[in-house]
Structure formats: structure tokens, C-alpha cells
Amino acid sequence: LVLELTGKRTPQVGLEGKFSVFHSCAVALLHGAAGEKEYSDAMVRDPKVIALRDRIDALINPKLRDDEVYVHIRLKDGRTLEKYIEHAIGSKEVPMTNAQLEAKFRGLADDILGPQQSAKLLALAWSLPELPDAAEICRMSVPGAAKRGLGVDVRERRVGPAVAEERPLAARRHRREAEAGRERRIALHQIQIH
């Protein structure tokens, strides 16, 4: 199923790159990330990404769980690098930390809202239980809202939890998904790069 969903070997546009485990591996190796910026049309067409993408193989190993993966990278000098991941980040067993959630949010929102407004929106989201009006989050999510004076003043609110490694939001989300029987996990079993 994983390769049926993410097995697009030669994506032509950024959206297709999101459905390509080959593209995801290539940009992660070249750029150290596979976030929104790595799925642009330009990145999908980058000659360095294409060259590396063409050297990646993905194999299904039925002995591994859905969220397990082995990565094998054979370097030009003959050395082999290997990495085993028992559970993917963001899985039920390894939920994203609040710091990881914040980084992902900022990576998605900063280019649309601007760094200051996305920081305010993030502070609102973290303080949701104390907000007198949850609609403030909706108002602050409109590009330019901070410049127009919409939303509450959140400059004094603390962004994020006291301990960055706490995982309460992700853990609660995963519990709800599991209880509702909607837990979805998509992972590759083995990736090889030649």
C-alpha cells in the first residue's frame, strides 16, 4: 500500500513530490529536511534532487511493522550507512514533541502569515483553554490580520509549554484517533540508495 500511495518515481510538480518516497528521501539527504519548501515545483525539478532520486530503491519487507523502516545508504567509496527506525516520528509510539509541532507550524505558516503573525497565532493556539473567544484563532489566521489590529494582544503570552519535550497535545491526539479507530500509519519498510 505504501508504494501504491507514495511510489511516484518521477514527480513533475511539487504536489506529486509529496507522493514520492523517492523524492522525500532525496531531499532529506540533500537538504536535511522534507518540509513544505522541499516539495516546491523548483525542488522537484532540481537536477541534484533528480540525480539522487533516480538512485533510490524502496522495498517492502513483510516481516516489519507498518511504522518500521531500515535505511541503507551505499556511498561512492563503498562504505554503507544504516539506520533503523522502530517507530516514525509522529506515530502513536513516538508522538511529535511540542517543539517539533511548533517548528512544523512555523515552517508552514511563516511564509503565508509572516513570522510575527504566525508567532501570535501559535501563542493563541497554545493558550486555547484560557482564551475567552476561540474565534480569535480564526481571525489571527487570516493573512495581514496582525497589521489590521485583529486578534488579541498575545505578546505577553508564553509560547509553548514550560518543558519543550513534553508531548501532551500529540499524545492526546493519538489517543483520540486510536479510540475512534482512525489510526493511520504509512511507512516504508526498507529504503536503499545506491
Protein backbone atom coordinates (compact mmCIF):
# COMPACT_ATOMS: atom_id res chain seq x y z
CA LEU A 1 0.00 0.00 0.00
CA VAL A 2 2.80 2.43 0.85
CA LEU A 3 4.38 2.22 -2.58
CA GLU A 4 0.95 2.46 -4.19
CA LEU A 5 0.43 5.78 -2.38
CA THR A 6 3.96 7.19 -2.43
CA GLY A 7 5.66 5.31 -5.26
CA LYS A 8 5.74 8.15 -7.80
CA ARG A 9 9.27 7.82 -9.14
CA THR A 10 9.42 10.92 -11.38
CA PRO A 11 7.27 13.70 -9.94
CA GLN A 12 6.96 16.72 -12.21
CA VAL A 13 5.42 19.25 -9.81
CA GLY A 14 5.66 19.85 -6.07
CA LEU A 15 2.36 18.20 -5.24
CA GLU A 16 3.48 14.98 -6.95
CA GLY A 17 6.67 15.14 -4.87
CA LYS A 18 4.54 14.65 -1.76
CA PHE A 19 3.52 11.28 -3.19
CA SER A 20 7.07 10.17 -3.88
CA VAL A 21 9.08 8.37 -1.23
CA PHE A 22 11.99 8.67 -3.68
CA HIS A 23 11.74 12.47 -3.72
CA SER A 24 11.28 12.60 0.06
CA CYS A 25 14.43 10.56 0.64
CA ALA A 26 16.45 12.59 -1.86
CA VAL A 27 15.55 16.00 -0.42
CA ALA A 28 16.03 14.76 3.15
CA LEU A 29 19.52 13.58 2.30
CA LEU A 30 20.46 16.68 0.32
CA HIS A 31 18.80 19.35 2.47
CA GLY A 32 18.39 17.69 5.85
CA ALA A 33 14.62 18.21 5.75
CA ALA A 34 11.47 17.16 3.95
CA GLY A 35 9.19 20.06 4.81
CA GLU A 36 6.94 22.24 2.70
CA LYS A 37 9.86 24.03 0.99
CA GLU A 38 11.27 20.72 -0.22
CA TYR A 39 8.04 19.99 -2.10
CA SER A 40 8.07 23.02 -4.39
CA ASP A 41 7.97 22.73 -8.17
CA ALA A 42 11.56 24.01 -8.34
CA MET A 43 12.80 21.41 -5.84
CA VAL A 44 11.10 18.56 -7.70
CA ARG A 45 12.89 19.69 -10.89
CA ASP A 46 16.28 20.34 -9.27
CA PRO A 47 18.93 18.33 -11.16
CA LYS A 48 20.72 17.28 -7.95
CA VAL A 49 17.46 16.02 -6.44
CA ILE A 50 16.57 14.16 -9.65
CA ALA A 51 20.00 12.53 -9.85
CA LEU A 52 19.80 11.25 -6.28
CA ARG A 53 16.13 10.32 -6.57
CA ASP A 54 16.95 8.10 -9.54
CA ARG A 55 19.38 6.10 -7.37
CA ILE A 56 16.87 5.27 -4.61
CA ASP A 57 15.06 1.94 -4.34
CA ALA A 58 12.20 1.17 -1.98
CA LEU A 59 11.43 -2.40 -0.99
CA ILE A 60 8.63 -3.81 1.13
CA ASN A 61 9.71 -6.23 3.86
CA PRO A 62 6.64 -8.12 5.12
CA LYS A 63 8.49 -9.04 8.34
CA LEU A 64 8.50 -5.40 9.51
CA ARG A 65 5.64 -3.49 11.13
CA ASP A 66 3.92 -0.69 9.24
CA ASP A 67 5.86 2.04 11.04
CA GLU A 68 9.30 0.41 11.00
CA VAL A 69 11.99 1.19 8.46
CA TYR A 70 15.56 0.24 7.64
CA VAL A 71 17.56 2.70 5.56
CA HIS A 72 20.73 1.54 3.82
CA ILE A 73 22.94 4.05 2.01
CA ARG A 74 25.90 2.83 -0.02
CA LEU A 75 28.45 5.60 -0.54
CA LYS A 76 30.67 6.00 -3.60
CA ASP A 77 33.70 4.94 -1.57
CA GLY A 78 32.00 1.61 -0.77
CA ARG A 79 31.02 2.37 2.81
CA THR A 80 27.47 1.61 3.91
CA LEU A 81 25.47 3.71 6.32
CA GLU A 82 22.49 2.11 8.00
CA LYS A 83 19.70 3.48 10.14
CA TYR A 84 16.88 1.57 11.79
CA ILE A 85 13.78 3.44 12.89
CA GLU A 86 11.48 1.41 15.10
CA HIS A 87 8.64 3.96 15.01
CA ALA A 88 8.32 7.05 12.85
CA ILE A 89 8.21 10.48 14.48
CA GLY A 90 4.57 11.43 14.70
CA SER A 91 3.45 7.85 15.30
CA LYS A 92 1.48 6.80 18.36
CA GLU A 93 4.65 5.44 19.97
CA VAL A 94 6.80 8.49 19.15
CA PRO A 95 4.48 11.49 19.07
CA MET A 96 5.89 14.81 17.97
CA THR A 97 7.18 16.98 20.79
CA ASN A 98 5.65 20.40 21.25
CA ALA A 99 8.88 21.90 19.91
CA GLN A 100 8.55 19.74 16.77
CA LEU A 101 4.90 20.76 16.38
CA GLU A 102 5.90 24.42 16.69
CA ALA A 103 8.69 24.05 14.11
CA LYS A 104 6.32 22.34 11.68
CA PHE A 105 3.68 25.02 12.20
CA ARG A 106 6.20 27.82 11.68
CA GLY A 107 7.53 26.12 8.56
CA LEU A 108 4.03 26.08 7.11
CA ALA A 109 2.72 29.42 8.38
CA ASP A 110 5.65 31.87 8.32
CA ASP A 111 5.71 32.31 4.54
CA ILE A 112 1.95 32.90 4.43
CA LEU A 113 1.32 34.97 7.56
CA GLY A 114 4.78 36.34 8.23
CA PRO A 115 6.91 35.38 11.23
CA GLN A 116 5.32 37.86 13.66
CA GLN A 117 1.73 36.94 12.87
CA SER A 118 2.43 33.20 12.88
CA ALA A 119 4.10 33.63 16.30
CA LYS A 120 0.97 35.36 17.57
CA LEU A 121 -1.25 32.65 16.09
CA LEU A 122 0.91 29.98 17.68
CA ALA A 123 0.68 31.70 21.05
CA LEU A 124 -3.11 31.82 20.69
CA ALA A 125 -3.22 28.12 19.85
CA TRP A 126 -1.12 27.21 22.90
CA SER A 127 -3.38 29.31 25.11
CA LEU A 128 -6.66 27.98 23.69
CA PRO A 129 -8.01 26.72 27.06
CA GLU A 130 -7.64 30.24 28.52
CA LEU A 131 -9.00 32.19 25.53
CA PRO A 132 -12.27 33.97 26.20
CA ASP A 133 -13.14 33.67 22.48
CA ALA A 134 -11.74 30.79 20.40
CA ALA A 135 -12.66 32.74 17.26
CA GLU A 136 -9.53 34.81 17.93
CA ILE A 137 -7.58 31.93 16.42
CA CYS A 138 -9.66 32.13 13.23
CA ARG A 139 -9.27 35.90 12.99
CA MET A 140 -5.49 35.71 13.52
CA SER A 141 -5.16 33.03 10.83
CA VAL A 142 -6.14 35.50 8.08
CA PRO A 143 -3.05 36.92 6.32
CA GLY A 144 -2.49 40.52 7.39
CA ALA A 145 -4.72 40.26 10.47
CA ALA A 146 -1.96 41.38 12.83
CA LYS A 147 -1.34 44.51 10.73
CA ARG A 148 -5.04 45.36 10.75
CA GLY A 149 -5.19 45.01 14.53
CA LEU A 150 -7.32 41.87 14.52
CA GLY A 151 -6.89 39.31 17.26
CA VAL A 152 -5.92 39.73 20.87
CA ASP A 153 -2.59 41.03 22.09
CA VAL A 154 -0.57 37.90 22.76
CA ARG A 155 2.88 39.43 23.15
CA GLU A 156 2.98 38.65 26.85
CA ARG A 157 1.70 35.10 26.48
CA ARG A 158 4.24 32.34 26.73
CA VAL A 159 4.61 30.32 23.52
CA GLY A 160 4.72 26.61 24.09
CA PRO A 161 4.84 24.57 27.25
CA ALA A 162 7.27 25.02 30.11
CA VAL A 163 9.13 21.87 29.09
CA ALA A 164 9.81 21.63 25.36
CA GLU A 165 9.99 17.84 25.35
CA GLU A 166 6.52 17.34 26.83
CA ARG A 167 4.16 15.66 24.41
CA PRO A 168 0.65 16.30 25.77
CA LEU A 169 -1.03 17.62 22.62
CA ALA A 170 0.28 14.93 20.30
CA ALA A 171 -0.38 12.19 22.85
CA ARG A 172 -3.99 13.34 23.35
CA ARG A 173 -4.50 13.48 19.57
CA HIS A 174 -3.15 9.95 19.12
CA ARG A 175 -5.31 8.61 21.93
CA ARG A 176 -8.41 10.14 20.32
CA GLU A 177 -7.52 8.69 16.92
CA ALA A 178 -6.84 5.25 18.38
CA GLU A 179 -10.07 5.30 20.39
CA ALA A 180 -12.04 6.29 17.31
CA GLY A 181 -10.41 3.54 15.30
CA ARG A 182 -8.94 6.01 12.82
CA GLU A 183 -5.27 5.44 13.45
CA ARG A 184 -3.42 5.59 10.14
CA ARG A 185 0.21 4.74 9.70
CA ILE A 186 2.07 4.90 6.44
CA ALA A 187 5.71 3.94 6.43
CA LEU A 188 8.16 2.18 4.21
CA HIS A 189 9.79 -0.99 5.34
CA GLN A 190 13.14 -0.60 3.66
CA ILE A 191 14.83 2.08 1.61
CA GLN A 192 18.03 1.54 -0.30
CA ILE A 193 20.14 4.18 -2.00
CA HIS A 194 22.87 3.09 -4.38
